[in-house]
């Protein structure tokens, strides 16, 4: 089972910025919809942003204009730049890959999560 490995979480003051990084196998980045999701204790995981293999991007409305997903195909990385962070952004953030094209069709992959805490 391929692993997605997140890094870059931490604590930041309101209004601050963080960049999360997801290291993933190159074929997964090319063939799957890559996304960032978040989950608070006792709540369902929600999609924050995802980008399909053909470049179509969807953002959770409350993060649009503040968060940006990007891919570095040369280094097999997916990033989430988060700006103007607020307390409502405090969650565990997960990198995920699904809706893959052949030959990975039907598979999905998740990272272990990285904590983001926004607090003064």
N, C-alpha and C. Protein backbone atom coordinates (compact mmCIF):
# COMPACT_ATOMS: atom_id res chain seq x y z
N UNK A 1 0.85 -1.18 0.00
CA UNK A 1 0.00 0.00 0.00
C UNK A 1 0.89 1.24 0.00
N UNK A 2 0.72 2.05 -1.01
CA UNK A 2 1.53 3.26 -1.09
C UNK A 2 1.16 4.18 0.05
N UNK A 3 2.11 4.96 0.48
CA UNK A 3 1.87 5.90 1.57
C UNK A 3 1.96 7.32 1.10
N UNK A 4 1.07 8.12 1.64
CA UNK A 4 1.18 9.56 1.49
C UNK A 4 1.68 10.09 2.82
N UNK A 5 2.64 10.96 2.80
CA UNK A 5 3.25 11.44 4.03
C UNK A 5 3.13 12.96 4.09
N UNK A 6 2.37 13.42 5.09
CA UNK A 6 2.19 14.86 5.26
C UNK A 6 3.23 15.42 6.22
N UNK A 7 3.51 16.69 6.05
CA UNK A 7 4.36 17.42 6.98
C UNK A 7 4.00 18.89 6.89
N UNK A 8 4.49 19.66 7.85
CA UNK A 8 4.31 21.10 7.80
C UNK A 8 3.27 21.65 8.74
N UNK A 9 2.57 20.78 9.46
CA UNK A 9 1.60 21.28 10.42
C UNK A 9 2.29 21.93 11.61
N UNK A 10 1.49 22.55 12.45
CA UNK A 10 2.04 23.20 13.62
C UNK A 10 1.07 24.20 14.20
N UNK A 11 1.59 25.07 15.03
CA UNK A 11 0.77 26.11 15.67
C UNK A 11 1.10 27.46 15.06
N UNK A 12 0.07 28.24 14.87
CA UNK A 12 0.24 29.56 14.28
C UNK A 12 -0.81 30.49 14.87
N UNK A 13 -0.49 31.76 14.90
CA UNK A 13 -1.43 32.75 15.41
C UNK A 13 -2.47 33.08 14.34
N UNK A 14 -3.63 33.56 14.76
CA UNK A 14 -4.64 33.97 13.78
C UNK A 14 -4.07 34.98 12.80
N UNK A 15 -4.42 34.79 11.54
CA UNK A 15 -3.88 35.63 10.49
C UNK A 15 -2.60 35.13 9.88
N UNK A 16 -2.00 34.12 10.48
CA UNK A 16 -0.73 33.58 10.00
C UNK A 16 -0.90 32.61 8.84
N UNK A 17 0.22 32.05 8.43
CA UNK A 17 0.26 31.16 7.28
C UNK A 17 1.02 29.89 7.62
N UNK A 18 0.66 28.82 6.94
CA UNK A 18 1.38 27.56 7.00
C UNK A 18 1.35 26.94 5.62
N UNK A 19 2.36 26.14 5.33
CA UNK A 19 2.35 25.35 4.10
C UNK A 19 2.51 23.89 4.46
N UNK A 20 1.52 23.11 4.08
CA UNK A 20 1.56 21.66 4.27
C UNK A 20 2.14 21.01 3.02
N UNK A 21 2.86 19.93 3.26
CA UNK A 21 3.47 19.18 2.17
C UNK A 21 3.02 17.73 2.23
N UNK A 22 2.71 17.17 1.08
CA UNK A 22 2.36 15.76 0.96
C UNK A 22 3.33 15.12 -0.02
N UNK A 23 4.11 14.19 0.47
CA UNK A 23 4.99 13.42 -0.39
C UNK A 23 4.25 12.17 -0.85
N UNK A 24 4.20 11.97 -2.15
CA UNK A 24 3.44 10.84 -2.70
C UNK A 24 4.16 10.26 -3.90
N UNK A 25 3.94 8.99 -4.19
CA UNK A 25 4.52 8.42 -5.40
C UNK A 25 4.05 9.18 -6.64
N UNK A 26 4.96 9.32 -7.59
CA UNK A 26 4.66 10.13 -8.76
C UNK A 26 3.47 9.64 -9.57
N UNK A 27 3.31 8.32 -9.67
CA UNK A 27 2.19 7.82 -10.48
C UNK A 27 0.85 8.13 -9.82
N UNK A 28 0.82 8.19 -8.49
CA UNK A 28 -0.41 8.55 -7.80
C UNK A 28 -0.75 10.01 -8.06
N UNK A 29 0.24 10.88 -7.98
CA UNK A 29 -0.02 12.30 -8.23
C UNK A 29 -0.54 12.51 -9.66
N UNK A 30 0.02 11.77 -10.60
CA UNK A 30 -0.37 11.96 -12.01
C UNK A 30 -1.74 11.36 -12.32
N UNK A 31 -2.08 10.26 -11.67
CA UNK A 31 -3.25 9.49 -12.08
C UNK A 31 -4.47 9.67 -11.19
N UNK A 32 -4.32 10.35 -10.04
CA UNK A 32 -5.42 10.44 -9.08
C UNK A 32 -5.81 11.88 -8.81
N UNK A 33 -7.01 12.03 -8.29
CA UNK A 33 -7.41 13.33 -7.74
C UNK A 33 -6.72 13.48 -6.39
N UNK A 34 -5.88 14.49 -6.29
CA UNK A 34 -5.16 14.74 -5.05
C UNK A 34 -5.91 15.79 -4.24
N UNK A 35 -6.04 15.55 -2.96
CA UNK A 35 -6.79 16.50 -2.16
C UNK A 35 -6.25 16.64 -0.76
N UNK A 36 -6.67 17.72 -0.15
CA UNK A 36 -6.43 17.95 1.27
C UNK A 36 -7.78 17.96 1.96
N UNK A 37 -7.85 17.25 3.07
CA UNK A 37 -9.07 17.12 3.84
C UNK A 37 -8.74 17.44 5.29
N UNK A 38 -9.77 17.74 6.07
CA UNK A 38 -9.52 18.01 7.47
C UNK A 38 -10.62 17.42 8.32
N UNK A 39 -10.25 17.16 9.56
CA UNK A 39 -11.20 16.53 10.47
C UNK A 39 -10.92 16.98 11.89
N UNK A 40 -11.97 17.42 12.56
CA UNK A 40 -11.90 17.76 13.98
C UNK A 40 -12.45 16.60 14.79
N UNK A 41 -12.07 16.48 16.04
CA UNK A 41 -12.58 15.38 16.87
C UNK A 41 -14.10 15.35 16.90
N UNK A 42 -14.68 14.21 16.66
CA UNK A 42 -16.12 14.05 16.71
C UNK A 42 -16.85 14.54 15.48
N UNK A 43 -16.12 15.00 14.48
CA UNK A 43 -16.76 15.51 13.26
C UNK A 43 -16.34 14.69 12.07
N UNK A 44 -17.13 14.81 11.00
CA UNK A 44 -16.79 14.11 9.77
C UNK A 44 -15.62 14.80 9.07
N UNK A 45 -14.87 14.00 8.35
CA UNK A 45 -13.79 14.56 7.55
C UNK A 45 -14.41 15.34 6.40
N UNK A 46 -13.86 16.52 6.11
CA UNK A 46 -14.37 17.32 5.02
C UNK A 46 -13.27 17.65 4.02
N UNK A 47 -13.67 17.73 2.79
CA UNK A 47 -12.75 18.09 1.73
C UNK A 47 -12.44 19.58 1.82
N UNK A 48 -11.18 19.92 1.83
CA UNK A 48 -10.76 21.32 1.84
C UNK A 48 -10.49 21.79 0.41
N UNK A 49 -9.74 21.03 -0.32
CA UNK A 49 -9.45 21.34 -1.72
C UNK A 49 -9.00 20.06 -2.39
N UNK A 50 -9.35 19.92 -3.65
CA UNK A 50 -8.86 18.79 -4.42
C UNK A 50 -8.60 19.22 -5.86
N UNK A 51 -7.66 18.54 -6.45
CA UNK A 51 -7.32 18.82 -7.85
C UNK A 51 -7.29 17.50 -8.60
N UNK A 52 -8.07 17.43 -9.66
CA UNK A 52 -8.15 16.20 -10.44
C UNK A 52 -6.87 16.01 -11.25
N UNK A 53 -6.74 14.82 -11.81
CA UNK A 53 -5.55 14.50 -12.59
C UNK A 53 -5.44 15.38 -13.84
N UNK A 54 -6.57 15.94 -14.27
CA UNK A 54 -6.52 16.82 -15.44
C UNK A 54 -6.56 18.29 -15.05
N UNK A 55 -6.34 18.59 -13.76
CA UNK A 55 -6.12 19.96 -13.34
C UNK A 55 -7.33 20.73 -12.86
N UNK A 56 -8.48 20.08 -12.75
CA UNK A 56 -9.69 20.76 -12.28
C UNK A 56 -9.64 20.84 -10.76
N UNK A 57 -9.82 22.05 -10.22
CA UNK A 57 -9.66 22.27 -8.78
C UNK A 57 -10.98 22.68 -8.15
N UNK A 58 -11.25 22.15 -6.98
CA UNK A 58 -12.45 22.48 -6.21
C UNK A 58 -12.03 22.85 -4.80
N UNK A 59 -12.55 23.96 -4.31
CA UNK A 59 -12.24 24.43 -2.96
C UNK A 59 -13.49 24.43 -2.08
N UNK A 60 -13.31 24.11 -0.81
CA UNK A 60 -14.33 24.36 0.18
C UNK A 60 -14.57 25.87 0.21
N UNK A 61 -15.81 26.34 0.14
CA UNK A 61 -16.04 27.78 0.02
C UNK A 61 -15.35 28.62 1.08
N UNK A 62 -15.28 28.14 2.32
CA UNK A 62 -14.73 28.98 3.39
C UNK A 62 -13.22 29.13 3.29
N UNK A 63 -12.56 28.35 2.46
CA UNK A 63 -11.11 28.49 2.33
C UNK A 63 -10.72 29.12 0.99
N UNK A 64 -11.67 29.26 0.09
CA UNK A 64 -11.36 29.80 -1.23
C UNK A 64 -10.82 31.22 -1.09
N UNK A 65 -9.71 31.46 -1.77
CA UNK A 65 -9.06 32.77 -1.67
C UNK A 65 -8.01 32.83 -0.58
N UNK A 66 -8.02 31.85 0.32
CA UNK A 66 -7.02 31.80 1.39
C UNK A 66 -6.07 30.61 1.22
N UNK A 67 -6.59 29.50 0.74
CA UNK A 67 -5.80 28.27 0.59
C UNK A 67 -5.54 28.02 -0.89
N UNK A 68 -4.38 27.44 -1.18
CA UNK A 68 -4.04 27.11 -2.55
C UNK A 68 -3.35 25.76 -2.61
N UNK A 69 -3.84 24.89 -3.48
CA UNK A 69 -3.20 23.60 -3.71
C UNK A 69 -2.26 23.73 -4.90
N UNK A 70 -1.13 23.06 -4.82
CA UNK A 70 -0.22 23.03 -5.95
C UNK A 70 0.52 21.70 -5.97
N UNK A 71 1.01 21.36 -7.14
CA UNK A 71 1.73 20.11 -7.31
C UNK A 71 3.13 20.39 -7.83
N UNK A 72 4.08 19.61 -7.38
CA UNK A 72 5.45 19.63 -7.90
C UNK A 72 5.73 18.24 -8.43
N UNK A 73 5.43 18.04 -9.71
CA UNK A 73 5.57 16.70 -10.29
C UNK A 73 7.02 16.23 -10.32
N UNK A 74 7.95 17.16 -10.43
CA UNK A 74 9.36 16.78 -10.50
C UNK A 74 9.84 16.17 -9.19
N UNK A 75 9.26 16.65 -8.07
CA UNK A 75 9.69 16.17 -6.76
C UNK A 75 8.63 15.34 -6.05
N UNK A 76 7.55 15.02 -6.75
CA UNK A 76 6.49 14.16 -6.20
C UNK A 76 5.92 14.73 -4.90
N UNK A 77 5.55 15.99 -4.97
CA UNK A 77 5.00 16.67 -3.81
C UNK A 77 3.68 17.35 -4.17
N UNK A 78 2.80 17.43 -3.19
CA UNK A 78 1.59 18.23 -3.29
C UNK A 78 1.59 19.16 -2.09
N UNK A 79 1.30 20.42 -2.33
CA UNK A 79 1.36 21.41 -1.27
C UNK A 79 -0.02 22.01 -1.00
N UNK A 80 -0.19 22.47 0.22
CA UNK A 80 -1.35 23.27 0.58
C UNK A 80 -0.83 24.52 1.27
N UNK A 81 -0.91 25.64 0.56
CA UNK A 81 -0.54 26.92 1.15
C UNK A 81 -1.78 27.50 1.82
N UNK A 82 -1.66 27.78 3.10
CA UNK A 82 -2.79 28.28 3.88
C UNK A 82 -2.44 29.66 4.42
N UNK A 83 -3.22 30.64 4.03
CA UNK A 83 -3.01 32.02 4.48
C UNK A 83 -4.22 32.51 5.26
N UNK A 84 -4.03 33.59 6.01
CA UNK A 84 -5.13 34.20 6.77
C UNK A 84 -5.85 33.16 7.61
N UNK A 85 -5.08 32.37 8.33
CA UNK A 85 -5.66 31.28 9.11
C UNK A 85 -6.45 31.83 10.29
N UNK A 86 -7.52 31.14 10.59
CA UNK A 86 -8.36 31.48 11.73
C UNK A 86 -8.61 30.26 12.60
N UNK A 87 -9.22 30.50 13.75
CA UNK A 87 -9.44 29.41 14.70
C UNK A 87 -10.25 28.28 14.08
N UNK A 88 -11.13 28.61 13.17
CA UNK A 88 -11.95 27.59 12.51
C UNK A 88 -11.17 26.66 11.61
N UNK A 89 -9.92 27.00 11.35
CA UNK A 89 -9.07 26.14 10.52
C UNK A 89 -8.31 25.12 11.35
N UNK A 90 -8.46 25.16 12.65
CA UNK A 90 -7.79 24.20 13.53
C UNK A 90 -8.38 22.81 13.30
N UNK A 91 -7.56 21.88 12.88
CA UNK A 91 -8.00 20.53 12.56
C UNK A 91 -6.77 19.66 12.30
N UNK A 92 -7.02 18.38 12.14
CA UNK A 92 -6.01 17.49 11.57
C UNK A 92 -6.22 17.48 10.06
N UNK A 93 -5.17 17.73 9.33
CA UNK A 93 -5.24 17.80 7.87
C UNK A 93 -4.64 16.53 7.27
N UNK A 94 -5.37 15.98 6.29
CA UNK A 94 -4.96 14.75 5.66
C UNK A 94 -4.77 14.96 4.17
N UNK A 95 -3.76 14.35 3.64
CA UNK A 95 -3.58 14.29 2.19
C UNK A 95 -4.25 13.01 1.70
N UNK A 96 -5.01 13.11 0.63
CA UNK A 96 -5.70 11.94 0.11
C UNK A 96 -5.61 11.88 -1.41
N UNK A 97 -5.75 10.68 -1.92
CA UNK A 97 -5.74 10.47 -3.37
C UNK A 97 -6.80 9.43 -3.69
N UNK A 98 -7.70 9.77 -4.61
CA UNK A 98 -8.71 8.81 -5.04
C UNK A 98 -9.16 9.16 -6.44
N UNK A 99 -10.23 8.49 -6.87
CA UNK A 99 -10.73 8.67 -8.24
C UNK A 99 -9.58 8.61 -9.24
N UNK A 100 -8.81 7.54 -9.11
CA UNK A 100 -7.62 7.38 -9.94
C UNK A 100 -7.99 6.82 -11.30
N UNK A 101 -7.19 7.18 -12.28
CA UNK A 101 -7.37 6.61 -13.62
C UNK A 101 -6.60 5.31 -13.71
N UNK A 102 -6.85 4.56 -14.76
CA UNK A 102 -6.15 3.28 -14.94
C UNK A 102 -4.65 3.50 -15.00
N UNK A 103 -3.84 2.64 -14.47
CA UNK A 103 -4.15 1.35 -13.87
C UNK A 103 -4.45 1.40 -12.36
N UNK A 104 -4.62 2.57 -11.79
CA UNK A 104 -4.90 2.67 -10.36
C UNK A 104 -6.38 2.81 -10.05
N UNK A 105 -7.22 2.62 -11.05
CA UNK A 105 -8.66 2.82 -10.86
C UNK A 105 -9.18 2.00 -9.69
N UNK A 106 -10.01 2.63 -8.85
CA UNK A 106 -10.62 1.94 -7.72
C UNK A 106 -9.82 2.02 -6.43
N UNK A 107 -8.62 2.56 -6.51
CA UNK A 107 -7.78 2.63 -5.31
C UNK A 107 -7.88 4.02 -4.69
N UNK A 108 -7.62 4.07 -3.40
CA UNK A 108 -7.53 5.34 -2.70
C UNK A 108 -6.40 5.26 -1.68
N UNK A 109 -5.85 6.41 -1.36
CA UNK A 109 -4.69 6.47 -0.49
C UNK A 109 -4.84 7.65 0.48
N UNK A 110 -4.37 7.46 1.70
CA UNK A 110 -4.45 8.51 2.71
C UNK A 110 -3.14 8.60 3.47
N UNK A 111 -2.84 9.81 3.92
CA UNK A 111 -1.72 10.00 4.81
C UNK A 111 -2.16 9.86 6.26
N UNK A 112 -1.22 10.06 7.15
CA UNK A 112 -1.48 9.85 8.57
C UNK A 112 -2.04 11.10 9.24
N UNK A 113 -1.99 12.22 8.56
CA UNK A 113 -2.53 13.45 9.10
C UNK A 113 -1.48 14.31 9.78
N UNK A 114 -1.71 15.61 9.76
CA UNK A 114 -0.82 16.55 10.44
C UNK A 114 -1.69 17.61 11.11
N UNK A 115 -1.37 17.91 12.35
CA UNK A 115 -2.19 18.82 13.15
C UNK A 115 -1.88 20.26 12.81
N UNK A 116 -2.94 21.03 12.60
CA UNK A 116 -2.82 22.48 12.44
C UNK A 116 -3.62 23.13 13.55
N UNK A 117 -2.98 23.98 14.32
CA UNK A 117 -3.63 24.67 15.43
C UNK A 117 -3.45 26.16 15.25
N UNK A 118 -4.58 26.87 15.24
CA UNK A 118 -4.56 28.33 15.11
C UNK A 118 -5.05 28.91 16.43
N UNK A 119 -4.16 29.60 17.11
CA UNK A 119 -4.50 30.09 18.44
C UNK A 119 -3.61 31.26 18.81
N UNK A 120 -4.18 32.21 19.54
CA UNK A 120 -3.40 33.33 20.02
C UNK A 120 -2.84 33.03 21.40
